[in-house]
Amino acid sequence: MASLERRLQQLETYAATMRREDEEAVGREVMRRLTDEELEWYERALKRALGEEGFAAEHRPILERVQQLYEQVVDELT
């Protein structure tokens, strides 16, 4: 029984690692698809959000663009 539990833990660890690697691959692909201008705009939005100000209304278009790219990449990879 202990062997079965150990194997289950190994499989859970492996699954978590694979999910993390998949998420990282999607993130890299999204960043690759952004233009230089979009990437700069997104970076400014993130820096502001990490500060006390949070996201501004002016950031909505780039956040929607990034969300759209994430969905597109996930759809392509599945």
C-alpha atoms as a PDB file:
ATOM      1  CA  MET A   1       0.000   0.000   0.000  1.00  0.00           C
ATOM      2  CA  ALA A   2       2.847   2.380   0.805  1.00  0.00           C
ATOM      3  CA  SER A   3       4.261   1.726  -2.656  1.00  0.00           C
ATOM      4  CA  LEU A   4       0.959   2.719  -4.249  1.00  0.00           C
ATOM      5  CA  GLU A   5       0.786   5.911  -2.187  1.00  0.00           C
ATOM      6  CA  ARG A   6       4.385   6.770  -3.102  1.00  0.00           C
ATOM      7  CA  ARG A   7       3.645   6.207  -6.791  1.00  0.00           C
ATOM      8  CA  LEU A   8       0.537   8.399  -6.564  1.00  0.00           C
ATOM      9  CA  GLN A   9       2.592  11.187  -4.991  1.00  0.00           C
ATOM     10  CA  GLN A  10       5.161  10.869  -7.793  1.00  0.00           C
ATOM     11  CA  LEU A  11       2.419  11.119 -10.408  1.00  0.00           C
ATOM     12  CA  GLU A  12       0.916  14.177  -8.714  1.00  0.00           C
ATOM     13  CA  THR A  13       4.317  15.853  -8.627  1.00  0.00           C
ATOM     14  CA  TYR A  14       4.888  15.010 -12.284  1.00  0.00           C
ATOM     15  CA  ALA A  15       1.456  16.367 -13.268  1.00  0.00           C
ATOM     16  CA  ALA A  16       2.091  19.615 -11.387  1.00  0.00           C
ATOM     17  CA  THR A  17       5.465  19.992 -13.100  1.00  0.00           C
ATOM     18  CA  MET A  18       3.939  19.392 -16.523  1.00  0.00           C
ATOM     19  CA  ARG A  19       1.155  21.935 -15.862  1.00  0.00           C
ATOM     20  CA  ARG A  20       3.711  24.528 -14.800  1.00  0.00           C
ATOM     21  CA  GLU A  21       5.833  23.868 -17.887  1.00  0.00           C
ATOM     22  CA  ASP A  22       2.757  24.119 -20.126  1.00  0.00           C
ATOM     23  CA  GLU A  23       1.741  27.419 -18.525  1.00  0.00           C
ATOM     24  CA  GLU A  24       5.261  28.772 -18.982  1.00  0.00           C
ATOM     25  CA  ALA A  25       5.273  27.710 -22.651  1.00  0.00           C
ATOM     26  CA  VAL A  26       1.951  29.474 -23.239  1.00  0.00           C
ATOM     27  CA  GLY A  27       3.260  32.620 -21.549  1.00  0.00           C
ATOM     28  CA  ARG A  28       6.419  32.610 -23.666  1.00  0.00           C
ATOM     29  CA  GLU A  29       4.393  32.185 -26.857  1.00  0.00           C
ATOM     30  CA  VAL A  30       2.059  35.038 -25.913  1.00  0.00           C
ATOM     31  CA  MET A  31       5.002  37.355 -25.240  1.00  0.00           C
ATOM     32  CA  ARG A  32       6.558  36.298 -28.557  1.00  0.00           C
ATOM     33  CA  ARG A  33       3.382  37.264 -30.419  1.00  0.00           C
ATOM     34  CA  LEU A  34       3.184  40.747 -28.939  1.00  0.00           C
ATOM     35  CA  THR A  35       4.686  43.522 -31.026  1.00  0.00           C
ATOM     36  CA  ASP A  36       7.477  45.581 -29.463  1.00  0.00           C
ATOM     37  CA  GLU A  37       5.027  48.438 -28.950  1.00  0.00           C
ATOM     38  CA  GLU A  38       2.449  46.151 -27.302  1.00  0.00           C
ATOM     39  CA  LEU A  39       5.125  44.642 -25.098  1.00  0.00           C
ATOM     40  CA  GLU A  40       6.231  48.082 -23.901  1.00  0.00           C
ATOM     41  CA  TRP A  41       2.627  49.058 -23.239  1.00  0.00           C
ATOM     42  CA  TYR A  42       2.002  45.832 -21.333  1.00  0.00           C
ATOM     43  CA  GLU A  43       5.173  46.320 -19.303  1.00  0.00           C
ATOM     44  CA  ARG A  44       4.066  49.831 -18.307  1.00  0.00           C
ATOM     45  CA  ALA A  45       0.648  48.491 -17.286  1.00  0.00           C
ATOM     46  CA  LEU A  46       2.217  45.755 -15.151  1.00  0.00           C
ATOM     47  CA  LYS A  47       4.649  48.151 -13.469  1.00  0.00           C
ATOM     48  CA  ARG A  48       1.784  50.468 -12.589  1.00  0.00           C
ATOM     49  CA  ALA A  49      -0.295  47.550 -11.291  1.00  0.00           C
ATOM     50  CA  LEU A  50       2.567  46.349  -9.103  1.00  0.00           C
ATOM     51  CA  GLY A  51       2.678  49.809  -7.536  1.00  0.00           C
ATOM     52  CA  GLU A  52      -0.100  51.201  -5.427  1.00  0.00           C
ATOM     53  CA  GLU A  53      -2.055  52.603  -8.381  1.00  0.00           C
ATOM     54  CA  GLY A  54      -3.323  49.355  -9.924  1.00  0.00           C
ATOM     55  CA  PHE A  55      -4.431  49.156 -13.542  1.00  0.00           C
ATOM     56  CA  ALA A  56      -5.816  52.277 -15.218  1.00  0.00           C
ATOM     57  CA  ALA A  57      -8.676  52.415 -17.706  1.00  0.00           C
ATOM     58  CA  GLU A  58      -6.130  53.188 -20.416  1.00  0.00           C
ATOM     59  CA  HIS A  59      -4.599  49.731 -19.887  1.00  0.00           C
ATOM     60  CA  ARG A  60      -7.790  47.886 -20.729  1.00  0.00           C
ATOM     61  CA  PRO A  61      -6.991  47.433 -24.473  1.00  0.00           C
ATOM     62  CA  ILE A  62      -3.579  45.846 -23.872  1.00  0.00           C
ATOM     63  CA  LEU A  63      -4.926  43.616 -21.106  1.00  0.00           C
ATOM     64  CA  GLU A  64      -7.701  42.438 -23.424  1.00  0.00           C
ATOM     65  CA  ARG A  65      -5.144  41.843 -26.202  1.00  0.00           C
ATOM     66  CA  VAL A  66      -2.971  39.719 -23.916  1.00  0.00           C
ATOM     67  CA  GLN A  67      -6.010  37.764 -22.693  1.00  0.00           C
ATOM     68  CA  GLN A  68      -7.055  37.160 -26.308  1.00  0.00           C
ATOM     69  CA  LEU A  69      -3.573  35.892 -27.167  1.00  0.00           C
ATOM     70  CA  TYR A  70      -3.546  33.564 -24.141  1.00  0.00           C
ATOM     71  CA  GLU A  71      -6.866  32.056 -25.237  1.00  0.00           C
ATOM     72  CA  GLN A  72      -5.665  31.739 -28.831  1.00  0.00           C
ATOM     73  CA  VAL A  73      -2.411  30.019 -27.863  1.00  0.00           C
ATOM     74  CA  VAL A  74      -4.156  27.617 -25.482  1.00  0.00           C
ATOM     75  CA  ASP A  75      -6.676  26.722 -28.206  1.00  0.00           C
ATOM     76  CA  GLU A  76      -3.868  26.076 -30.682  1.00  0.00           C
ATOM     77  CA  LEU A  77      -1.962  23.861 -28.254  1.00  0.00           C
ATOM     78  CA  THR A  78      -4.938  21.720 -27.279  1.00  0.00           C
END
